[in-house]
Amino acid sequence: MTTTAAAGRAERFRELHRPGAPLIMPNAWDAGAARVLVAVGCQAVGTTSAGFAGTLGRLDQSVTREETIGHAAAHAAAVDVPVSADLENGFGTEPAEVAATVRAAVDAGLAGCSIEDFTGGRQGSIHELGLATDRIAAAVEAAAGRVVLTARAENHLHGRDDLADTIGRLQRYQQAGADVLYAPGLRRAQDIRSVLAELDRPVNVLLMPGGPGIAELTELGVARISTGGALAFAALGALGRVRAGAARRGGPLVLAGCRRGKGDRPRLVAGPRPGDTQAGGGG
């Protein structure tokens, strides 16, 4: 991808963040899934660290920087819409390490990326506020407007249901220059409303079981809605259910409607064949 093309995608991604008319950004676990999502009309795609780790048979927070950047670059090469990468905690504690990760994301042609304040690892905690803010400031400097930088406050995914602290963190990340603010794990509309009232930048909200749906989040005024690892694990769950169902019936695996040649499903993943006059599976 040329530098000009990458810059165009980043600018388009920035424009898609409109409070009250949110960008619905599903998170794809591989490039084939990203193609399918774009084919059915998605205007941008995110990666998912948990979903990607799952494709490797690993737990979240166990993938390297190089693997993550390569994975996100494959998404960007596979689709013609903006791709935003889940860069976890930036793959390092120090601001300089976070900056190096963001520069790698820019070089990979990504339109956006996110940095979280979780320290990472199974025994991880949340970074102290001063260091967390310095990390975002370093990420902003490295991005230099070339990607849309999302700063994540991870309290509510890690047992720290302190809304005041979450808002305070997001305010500091806003002051440090983050383009989008995100506190995954919020389930109550009143909490989301409180976050929105205290911030001046676009806010992303993660769709959560038991939380507000797309219509309510739109009414609240969020600018972006994402799915995290939910789609990846829904797909893996469906695979398990198909196999379990076949075992219960004592017969062969039956994948109704998924045989090669049934509609354009193979081309949704692989794209058009050389010489085709139109892309398969549009919409």
Foldseek 3Di string as FASTA:
>chain_A
DDLVLLQVQLVVVLVLQFWLNAQEEEADQAQLRLLLVVQVPHQEYEHFQQLVQVVVVHGRLPDALVVQLVRQLRNVVNDSHAYEYECEQLRDQALVSNLVSLLSNLVSSHSYYEHEQWPGDPPTDGDDLVSLLSNLLSSCVSCVSSHQYEYEYACQVPPNPDLVVLLVSQVSSVVSPHQEYEYENDAELVSVLVSVVSDDHAYEYEDDVNHDDPVSSSVSTHRYYYHHCVVSVVVVVVVVVQVVVCVVVVHDRDDPQPDPPNAQVVQSRVWDDPPDPDTGSHD
